[in-house]
């Protein structure tokens, strides 16, 4: 449950800012790919994660989930 709240916080910060605050770290949000989607890499409980903005305009499954 705690991890889920952290992941939700990262997702909200990814969409609304220029950096993600996680514990005492400031993580820079990068723009990647031709669509210039937002992306941030972070570590949680010893595991590495990569959060990537999904393009809502795409007809793919991920695009539908992002809507």
N, C-alpha and C. Protein backbone atom coordinates (compact mmCIF):
# COMPACT_ATOMS: atom_id res chain seq x y z
N UNK A 1 0.82 -1.19 0.00
CA UNK A 1 0.00 0.00 0.00
C UNK A 1 0.87 1.26 0.00
N UNK A 2 1.90 1.26 0.80
CA UNK A 2 2.80 2.41 0.88
C UNK A 2 3.47 2.66 -0.46
N UNK A 3 3.94 1.59 -1.12
CA UNK A 3 4.58 1.74 -2.43
C UNK A 3 3.61 2.31 -3.45
N UNK A 4 2.37 1.91 -3.39
CA UNK A 4 1.37 2.40 -4.33
C UNK A 4 1.20 3.92 -4.18
N UNK A 5 1.18 4.41 -2.96
CA UNK A 5 1.06 5.85 -2.72
C UNK A 5 2.27 6.60 -3.29
N UNK A 6 3.45 6.02 -3.12
CA UNK A 6 4.66 6.65 -3.65
C UNK A 6 4.60 6.70 -5.18
N UNK A 7 4.19 5.60 -5.80
CA UNK A 7 4.10 5.55 -7.26
C UNK A 7 3.05 6.55 -7.78
N UNK A 8 1.94 6.69 -7.06
CA UNK A 8 0.93 7.68 -7.45
C UNK A 8 1.50 9.09 -7.35
N UNK A 9 2.27 9.35 -6.31
CA UNK A 9 2.89 10.66 -6.13
C UNK A 9 3.87 10.95 -7.26
N UNK A 10 4.67 9.97 -7.63
CA UNK A 10 5.63 10.14 -8.73
C UNK A 10 4.87 10.45 -10.02
N UNK A 11 3.79 9.73 -10.28
CA UNK A 11 3.01 9.95 -11.50
C UNK A 11 2.43 11.36 -11.55
N UNK A 12 1.89 11.84 -10.45
CA UNK A 12 1.33 13.19 -10.40
C UNK A 12 2.41 14.25 -10.62
N UNK A 13 3.55 14.06 -9.96
CA UNK A 13 4.64 15.02 -10.11
C UNK A 13 5.20 14.99 -11.53
N UNK A 14 5.24 13.82 -12.13
CA UNK A 14 5.75 13.67 -13.50
C UNK A 14 4.91 14.51 -14.46
N UNK A 15 3.61 14.53 -14.27
CA UNK A 15 2.72 15.23 -15.19
C UNK A 15 2.62 16.72 -14.90
N UNK A 16 3.00 17.16 -13.70
CA UNK A 16 2.74 18.54 -13.31
C UNK A 16 3.96 19.39 -13.01
N UNK A 17 5.16 18.87 -13.18
CA UNK A 17 6.31 19.66 -12.79
C UNK A 17 7.54 19.40 -13.63
N UNK A 18 8.64 19.98 -13.20
CA UNK A 18 9.92 19.83 -13.88
C UNK A 18 10.84 18.86 -13.14
N UNK A 19 10.45 18.51 -11.91
CA UNK A 19 11.24 17.56 -11.14
C UNK A 19 10.30 16.76 -10.23
N UNK A 20 10.81 15.61 -9.78
CA UNK A 20 10.07 14.75 -8.87
C UNK A 20 10.80 14.74 -7.54
N UNK A 21 10.09 15.02 -6.46
CA UNK A 21 10.66 14.96 -5.12
C UNK A 21 10.31 13.60 -4.53
N UNK A 22 11.34 12.83 -4.19
CA UNK A 22 11.14 11.49 -3.63
C UNK A 22 12.06 11.36 -2.44
N UNK A 23 11.48 11.25 -1.25
CA UNK A 23 12.24 11.28 0.00
C UNK A 23 13.05 12.57 0.04
N UNK A 24 14.36 12.48 0.09
CA UNK A 24 15.20 13.68 0.12
C UNK A 24 15.88 13.93 -1.22
N UNK A 25 15.40 13.31 -2.28
CA UNK A 25 16.00 13.45 -3.61
C UNK A 25 15.13 14.32 -4.51
N UNK A 26 15.81 15.12 -5.36
CA UNK A 26 15.14 15.85 -6.43
C UNK A 26 15.57 15.18 -7.72
N UNK A 27 14.62 14.59 -8.44
CA UNK A 27 14.92 13.87 -9.67
C UNK A 27 14.43 14.69 -10.86
N UNK A 28 15.32 14.91 -11.81
CA UNK A 28 15.00 15.72 -12.98
C UNK A 28 14.14 14.93 -13.96
N UNK A 29 13.12 15.57 -14.47
CA UNK A 29 12.27 14.96 -15.50
C UNK A 29 12.89 15.26 -16.85
N UNK A 30 13.08 14.21 -17.65
CA UNK A 30 13.64 14.37 -18.99
C UNK A 30 12.52 14.23 -20.02
N UNK A 31 12.75 14.77 -21.20
CA UNK A 31 11.85 14.59 -22.34
C UNK A 31 12.51 13.61 -23.29
N UNK A 32 11.78 12.59 -23.72
CA UNK A 32 12.35 11.54 -24.56
C UNK A 32 11.48 11.28 -25.78
N UNK A 33 12.10 10.74 -26.81
CA UNK A 33 11.40 10.31 -28.01
C UNK A 33 10.92 11.46 -28.88
N UNK A 34 10.36 11.10 -30.01
CA UNK A 34 9.89 12.11 -30.96
C UNK A 34 8.68 12.86 -30.43
N UNK A 35 7.93 12.24 -29.54
CA UNK A 35 6.76 12.89 -28.94
C UNK A 35 7.11 13.75 -27.75
N UNK A 36 8.40 13.75 -27.37
CA UNK A 36 8.88 14.54 -26.23
C UNK A 36 8.11 14.22 -24.95
N UNK A 37 7.91 12.92 -24.72
CA UNK A 37 7.19 12.48 -23.52
C UNK A 37 8.07 12.61 -22.29
N UNK A 38 7.46 12.86 -21.15
CA UNK A 38 8.20 13.02 -19.89
C UNK A 38 8.63 11.66 -19.35
N UNK A 39 9.82 11.64 -18.74
CA UNK A 39 10.35 10.39 -18.20
C UNK A 39 11.23 10.71 -16.99
N UNK A 40 11.14 9.86 -15.97
CA UNK A 40 12.00 9.99 -14.79
C UNK A 40 12.38 8.59 -14.32
N UNK A 41 13.62 8.45 -13.89
CA UNK A 41 14.11 7.19 -13.35
C UNK A 41 14.33 7.37 -11.85
N UNK A 42 13.95 6.34 -11.07
CA UNK A 42 14.13 6.42 -9.62
C UNK A 42 14.27 5.03 -9.05
N UNK A 43 14.68 4.98 -7.79
CA UNK A 43 14.85 3.71 -7.10
C UNK A 43 13.93 3.69 -5.89
N UNK A 44 13.29 2.54 -5.67
CA UNK A 44 12.37 2.37 -4.55
C UNK A 44 12.58 0.99 -3.96
N UNK A 45 12.95 0.94 -2.70
CA UNK A 45 13.21 -0.33 -2.01
C UNK A 45 14.22 -1.21 -2.76
N UNK A 46 15.26 -0.58 -3.28
CA UNK A 46 16.33 -1.31 -3.95
C UNK A 46 16.02 -1.73 -5.38
N UNK A 47 14.84 -1.37 -5.88
CA UNK A 47 14.45 -1.70 -7.26
C UNK A 47 14.42 -0.44 -8.10
N UNK A 48 14.89 -0.54 -9.34
CA UNK A 48 14.91 0.61 -10.24
C UNK A 48 13.61 0.68 -11.03
N UNK A 49 13.08 1.89 -11.15
CA UNK A 49 11.85 2.14 -11.89
C UNK A 49 12.09 3.24 -12.91
N UNK A 50 11.27 3.22 -13.94
CA UNK A 50 11.29 4.27 -14.96
C UNK A 50 9.83 4.62 -15.25
N UNK A 51 9.46 5.85 -14.93
CA UNK A 51 8.09 6.31 -15.18
C UNK A 51 8.10 7.11 -16.47
N UNK A 52 7.19 6.76 -17.39
CA UNK A 52 7.13 7.41 -18.69
C UNK A 52 5.70 7.86 -18.96
N UNK A 53 5.56 9.11 -19.36
CA UNK A 53 4.26 9.64 -19.75
C UNK A 53 3.73 8.86 -20.95
N UNK A 54 2.45 8.61 -20.97
CA UNK A 54 1.84 7.91 -22.10
C UNK A 54 1.12 8.91 -23.00
N UNK A 55 1.21 8.71 -24.30
CA UNK A 55 0.57 9.58 -25.27
C UNK A 55 -0.90 9.22 -25.39
N UNK A 56 -1.77 10.10 -24.92
CA UNK A 56 -3.22 9.86 -24.91
C UNK A 56 -3.82 9.79 -26.31
N UNK A 57 -3.13 10.36 -27.28
CA UNK A 57 -3.67 10.44 -28.63
C UNK A 57 -3.47 9.15 -29.43
N UNK A 58 -2.64 8.26 -28.94
CA UNK A 58 -2.37 7.01 -29.65
C UNK A 58 -3.53 6.04 -29.45
N UNK A 59 -3.87 5.26 -30.47
CA UNK A 59 -4.96 4.29 -30.33
C UNK A 59 -4.54 2.99 -29.63
N UNK A 60 -3.30 2.93 -29.17
CA UNK A 60 -2.80 1.72 -28.53
C UNK A 60 -3.47 1.49 -27.17
N UNK A 61 -3.23 0.34 -26.60
CA UNK A 61 -3.74 0.00 -25.27
C UNK A 61 -3.26 1.02 -24.24
N UNK A 62 -1.98 1.39 -24.31
CA UNK A 62 -1.43 2.35 -23.35
C UNK A 62 -2.06 3.72 -23.51
N UNK A 63 -2.32 4.10 -24.75
CA UNK A 63 -2.99 5.37 -25.00
C UNK A 63 -4.39 5.39 -24.40
N UNK A 64 -5.09 4.28 -24.53
CA UNK A 64 -6.44 4.18 -23.96
C UNK A 64 -6.39 4.24 -22.44
N UNK A 65 -5.39 3.60 -21.84
CA UNK A 65 -5.25 3.64 -20.38
C UNK A 65 -4.91 5.05 -19.89
N UNK A 66 -4.21 5.82 -20.70
CA UNK A 66 -3.81 7.17 -20.30
C UNK A 66 -4.98 8.15 -20.35
N UNK A 67 -6.03 7.79 -21.08
CA UNK A 67 -7.19 8.71 -21.20
C UNK A 67 -8.00 8.72 -19.98
